[in-house]
Every structure is written in structure tokens, then in C-alpha cells.
C-alpha atoms as a PDB file:
ATOM      1  CA  MET A   1      -9.212 -18.345   6.641  1.00  0.00           C
ATOM      2  CA  ALA A   2     -10.935 -16.474   3.767  1.00  0.00           C
ATOM      3  CA  LEU A   3     -11.446 -19.072   1.151  1.00  0.00           C
ATOM      4  CA  LEU A   4     -10.097 -16.941  -1.791  1.00  0.00           C
ATOM      5  CA  TRP A   5      -6.191 -17.902  -0.030  1.00  0.00           C
ATOM      6  CA  LYS A   6      -5.193 -20.401  -2.357  1.00  0.00           C
ATOM      7  CA  ASP A   7      -1.263 -22.052  -0.497  1.00  0.00           C
ATOM      8  CA  ASP A   8       0.300 -21.783  -3.787  1.00  0.00           C
ATOM      9  CA  LEU A   9       0.144 -17.898  -3.163  1.00  0.00           C
ATOM     10  CA  ALA A  10       2.554 -18.468  -0.048  1.00  0.00           C
ATOM     11  CA  THR A  11       5.732 -16.620  -0.415  1.00  0.00           C
ATOM     12  CA  GLY A  12       7.530 -18.329   1.828  1.00  0.00           C
ATOM     13  CA  VAL A  13       8.075 -15.033   4.347  1.00  0.00           C
ATOM     14  CA  GLU A  14       5.936 -15.475   7.016  1.00  0.00           C
ATOM     15  CA  LEU A  15       4.982 -11.374   7.862  1.00  0.00           C
ATOM     16  CA  ILE A  16       3.581 -11.430   4.286  1.00  0.00           C
ATOM     17  CA  ASP A  17       1.698 -14.320   4.097  1.00  0.00           C
ATOM     18  CA  GLU A  18      -0.181 -13.748   7.243  1.00  0.00           C
ATOM     19  CA  GLN A  19      -1.066 -10.189   5.801  1.00  0.00           C
ATOM     20  CA  HIS A  20      -2.057 -11.539   2.469  1.00  0.00           C
ATOM     21  CA  LYS A  21      -4.457 -14.090   4.201  1.00  0.00           C
ATOM     22  CA  GLU A  22      -5.720 -11.058   6.681  1.00  0.00           C
ATOM     23  CA  LEU A  23      -6.862  -9.179   2.910  1.00  0.00           C
ATOM     24  CA  PHE A  24      -8.011 -11.869   1.482  1.00  0.00           C
ATOM     25  CA  ALA A  25     -10.385 -12.434   4.511  1.00  0.00           C
ATOM     26  CA  ARG A  26     -11.162  -8.685   4.502  1.00  0.00           C
ATOM     27  CA  ILE A  27     -11.948  -9.225   0.751  1.00  0.00           C
ATOM     28  CA  GLU A  28     -14.856 -12.255   1.442  1.00  0.00           C
ATOM     29  CA  GLN A  29     -16.155  -9.904   4.141  1.00  0.00           C
ATOM     30  CA  LEU A  30     -16.945  -7.514   1.614  1.00  0.00           C
ATOM     31  CA  LEU A  31     -18.137  -9.831  -1.527  1.00  0.00           C
ATOM     32  CA  ALA A  32     -20.004 -11.504   1.750  1.00  0.00           C
ATOM     33  CA  ALA A  33     -21.895  -8.120   2.574  1.00  0.00           C
ATOM     34  CA  CYS A  34     -22.702  -7.448  -1.259  1.00  0.00           C
ATOM     35  CA  ASN A  35     -23.825 -10.825  -1.758  1.00  0.00           C
ATOM     36  CA  GLN A  36     -26.150 -10.753   1.304  1.00  0.00           C
ATOM     37  CA  GLY A  37     -27.671  -7.460   0.383  1.00  0.00           C
ATOM     38  CA  LYS A  38     -26.353  -5.493   2.874  1.00  0.00           C
ATOM     39  CA  GLY A  39     -27.158  -1.856   3.120  1.00  0.00           C
ATOM     40  CA  LYS A  40     -24.580   0.570   1.913  1.00  0.00           C
ATOM     41  CA  GLU A  41     -23.447   1.737   5.543  1.00  0.00           C
ATOM     42  CA  GLU A  42     -22.666  -1.540   5.981  1.00  0.00           C
ATOM     43  CA  VAL A  43     -20.690  -2.436   2.755  1.00  0.00           C
ATOM     44  CA  THR A  44     -19.498   1.030   2.771  1.00  0.00           C
ATOM     45  CA  ASN A  45     -17.955   0.015   6.511  1.00  0.00           C
ATOM     46  CA  THR A  46     -16.152  -3.154   5.044  1.00  0.00           C
ATOM     47  CA  LEU A  47     -14.684  -1.795   2.195  1.00  0.00           C
ATOM     48  CA  ASP A  48     -13.228   1.063   4.321  1.00  0.00           C
ATOM     49  CA  PHE A  49     -11.743  -1.654   6.453  1.00  0.00           C
ATOM     50  CA  LEU A  50      -9.777  -3.185   4.009  1.00  0.00           C
ATOM     51  CA  ALA A  51      -8.697   0.011   2.145  1.00  0.00           C
ATOM     52  CA  GLU A  52      -7.473   0.737   5.948  1.00  0.00           C
ATOM     53  CA  TYR A  53      -5.892  -2.699   6.029  1.00  0.00           C
ATOM     54  CA  ILE A  54      -4.354  -2.174   2.562  1.00  0.00           C
ATOM     55  CA  GLU A  55      -2.299   0.471   3.238  1.00  0.00           C
ATOM     56  CA  ILE A  56      -1.001  -1.070   6.842  1.00  0.00           C
ATOM     57  CA  HIS A  57       0.035  -3.848   4.667  1.00  0.00           C
ATOM     58  CA  PHE A  58       1.688  -1.877   2.086  1.00  0.00           C
ATOM     59  CA  THR A  59       3.266   0.598   4.243  1.00  0.00           C
ATOM     60  CA  ALA A  60       4.988  -3.069   5.995  1.00  0.00           C
ATOM     61  CA  GLU A  61       5.738  -4.033   2.931  1.00  0.00           C
ATOM     62  CA  GLU A  62       7.796  -1.397   1.392  1.00  0.00           C
ATOM     63  CA  GLU A  63       9.193  -1.213   4.632  1.00  0.00           C
ATOM     64  CA  LEU A  64      10.326  -4.715   3.949  1.00  0.00           C
ATOM     65  CA  GLN A  65      12.083  -3.779   0.263  1.00  0.00           C
ATOM     66  CA  ARG A  66      13.511  -0.450   1.637  1.00  0.00           C
ATOM     67  CA  ASN A  67      15.276  -2.344   4.778  1.00  0.00           C
ATOM     68  CA  SER A  68      16.365  -4.535   2.177  1.00  0.00           C
ATOM     69  CA  GLY A  69      17.600  -2.475  -0.463  1.00  0.00           C
ATOM     70  CA  TYR A  70      15.214  -4.156  -2.951  1.00  0.00           C
ATOM     71  CA  PRO A  71      16.211  -3.214  -6.295  1.00  0.00           C
ATOM     72  CA  GLU A  72      12.835  -3.019  -7.943  1.00  0.00           C
ATOM     73  CA  TYR A  73      10.624  -1.376  -4.540  1.00  0.00           C
ATOM     74  CA  GLU A  74       9.950   1.936  -6.854  1.00  0.00           C
ATOM     75  CA  ALA A  75       8.636  -0.236  -9.329  1.00  0.00           C
ATOM     76  CA  HIS A  76       6.843  -1.988  -6.846  1.00  0.00           C
ATOM     77  CA  LYS A  77       5.521   0.902  -4.721  1.00  0.00           C
ATOM     78  CA  ALA A  78       4.426   2.732  -8.259  1.00  0.00           C
ATOM     79  CA  ILE A  79       2.621  -1.159  -8.573  1.00  0.00           C
ATOM     80  CA  HIS A  80       0.786  -0.471  -4.986  1.00  0.00           C
ATOM     81  CA  ASP A  81       0.434   3.150  -5.849  1.00  0.00           C
ATOM     82  CA  LYS A  82      -1.821   2.933  -8.875  1.00  0.00           C
ATOM     83  CA  TRP A  83      -4.198  -0.037  -6.980  1.00  0.00           C
ATOM     84  CA  VAL A  84      -4.865   2.568  -3.665  1.00  0.00           C
ATOM     85  CA  GLU A  85      -6.060   4.623  -6.277  1.00  0.00           C
ATOM     86  CA  GLU A  86      -8.392   1.173  -8.034  1.00  0.00           C
ATOM     87  CA  ILE A  87      -9.591   0.982  -4.256  1.00  0.00           C
ATOM     88  CA  SER A  88     -10.284   4.292  -3.968  1.00  0.00           C
ATOM     89  CA  GLN A  89     -12.723   4.358  -7.316  1.00  0.00           C
ATOM     90  CA  LEU A  90     -14.626   1.469  -6.235  1.00  0.00           C
ATOM     91  CA  ARG A  91     -14.860   3.575  -2.964  1.00  0.00           C
ATOM     92  CA  GLU A  92     -16.537   6.663  -5.279  1.00  0.00           C
ATOM     93  CA  GLN A  93     -18.371   4.041  -7.120  1.00  0.00           C
ATOM     94  CA  LEU A  94     -19.813   2.382  -3.831  1.00  0.00           C
ATOM     95  CA  ALA A  95     -20.841   6.415  -2.547  1.00  0.00           C
ATOM     96  CA  LYS A  96     -22.549   7.255  -6.068  1.00  0.00           C
ATOM     97  CA  ASP A  97     -24.833   3.424  -6.961  1.00  0.00           C
ATOM     98  CA  GLY A  98     -24.130   1.573  -3.365  1.00  0.00           C
ATOM     99  CA  PRO A  99     -23.860  -2.277  -2.960  1.00  0.00           C
ATOM    100  CA  THR A 100     -24.908  -3.101  -6.578  1.00  0.00           C
ATOM    101  CA  VAL A 101     -24.067  -6.002  -9.071  1.00  0.00           C
ATOM    102  CA  ARG A 102     -21.516  -4.143 -10.969  1.00  0.00           C
ATOM    103  CA  LEU A 103     -19.248  -3.743  -7.621  1.00  0.00           C
ATOM    104  CA  VAL A 104     -19.251  -6.834  -7.321  1.00  0.00           C
ATOM    105  CA  LEU A 105     -17.866  -7.570 -10.763  1.00  0.00           C
ATOM    106  CA  GLN A 106     -15.340  -4.918  -9.598  1.00  0.00           C
ATOM    107  CA  VAL A 107     -14.355  -6.021  -6.628  1.00  0.00           C
ATOM    108  CA  ASN A 108     -14.098  -9.373  -8.515  1.00  0.00           C
ATOM    109  CA  ARG A 109     -11.853  -8.027 -11.182  1.00  0.00           C
ATOM    110  CA  LYS A 110      -9.640  -4.902  -9.339  1.00  0.00           C
ATOM    111  CA  VAL A 111      -9.654  -6.648  -6.382  1.00  0.00           C
ATOM    112  CA  VAL A 112      -9.460 -10.323  -6.372  1.00  0.00           C
ATOM    113  CA  ASP A 113      -8.020 -10.928  -9.693  1.00  0.00           C
ATOM    114  CA  TRP A 114      -5.482  -8.107  -9.135  1.00  0.00           C
ATOM    115  CA  LEU A 115      -4.326  -9.455  -5.661  1.00  0.00           C
ATOM    116  CA  THR A 116      -3.730 -13.126  -7.014  1.00  0.00           C
ATOM    117  CA  GLN A 117      -1.243 -11.816  -9.949  1.00  0.00           C
ATOM    118  CA  HIS A 118       0.166  -8.926  -7.923  1.00  0.00           C
ATOM    119  CA  ILE A 119       1.181 -11.936  -5.311  1.00  0.00           C
ATOM    120  CA  ARG A 120       1.830 -14.746  -7.921  1.00  0.00           C
ATOM    121  CA  LYS A 121       4.493 -12.706  -9.687  1.00  0.00           C
ATOM    122  CA  VAL A 122       5.841  -8.857  -8.087  1.00  0.00           C
ATOM    123  CA  ASP A 123       5.300 -10.321  -4.436  1.00  0.00           C
ATOM    124  CA  LYS A 124       6.949 -14.168  -5.198  1.00  0.00           C
ATOM    125  CA  ARG A 125      10.136 -12.052  -6.777  1.00  0.00           C
ATOM    126  CA  LEU A 126       9.963 -10.420  -3.468  1.00  0.00           C
ATOM    127  CA  ALA A 127      10.061 -12.440  -1.293  1.00  0.00           C
ATOM    128  CA  GLU A 128      12.609 -14.899  -3.218  1.00  0.00           C
ATOM    129  CA  TYR A 129      14.955 -11.591  -2.780  1.00  0.00           C
ATOM    130  CA  LEU A 130      13.986 -10.907   0.772  1.00  0.00           C
ATOM    131  CA  ARG A 131      15.071 -15.117   1.342  1.00  0.00           C
ATOM    132  CA  SER A 132      18.069 -14.758  -0.080  1.00  0.00           C
ATOM    133  CA  GLN A 133      19.865 -11.878   1.327  1.00  0.00           C
END
């Protein structure tokens, strides 16, 4: 389990929690690759691996929302779409500049901090709704 994962991030919805743990594990792999001075190709592959899993997770989470009639689905999806754009920008930055200190800072701010806050504020509200159904 990733060091970035904290038990207070658990939503109580098993599928969502397991996928969130996997996201944090992949983020940790990306940060480790950057911090260990891995080459651009390895860091790119790790970021691509993370981006693919984000897509899998968002698809599953959005399907849960649609199937349950979640009233905040459109707003939640818009938040996901914006984050996918952020990840795309990180990929562009990596392609242009390589695995720099700036990239690590951006990953911490745009990925770790964002995901943590999103889970605490948005996904926990979704989980509460799902558990009430």
C-alpha cells in the first residue's frame, strides 16, 4: 500500500477505496522515478501508467454515479474532466523538459494534493449518497 494513502481517505465504498489506493500507489511510483533520477523514458512510462489508471477509475466511478442516479453527477464529471486536462499538461511538461524538480513539485501539487482534497470533499459525499441508496 502506498505511503501517501491515509485511512481517513476511505469512503466506505470498497470499489472506490481500492481504486484510490491503487492511484496513490501509482503516484508514489511516479514520484520515486523522478526522485531517483530515472530517465525520461521511465518517468514517461510511469506517468502514462498513472494516466491510464485514472481513466479506468473515473470511468468506474462515473458509472456508479449514473447507475445510482447521483444528483451531482454532472458537476463531479466536470471535476474529473478538468483533472484529466491537468494530467495531460503534466505529460506535455515531461515531454518538453524531462523529469525535473519542477515536475515533482507539480505532481505533488496537481496530483497528490488535488486527489486528497477531491476524495475528502467530493468522493466522500458521493460515497455517503451511495451508502444511503
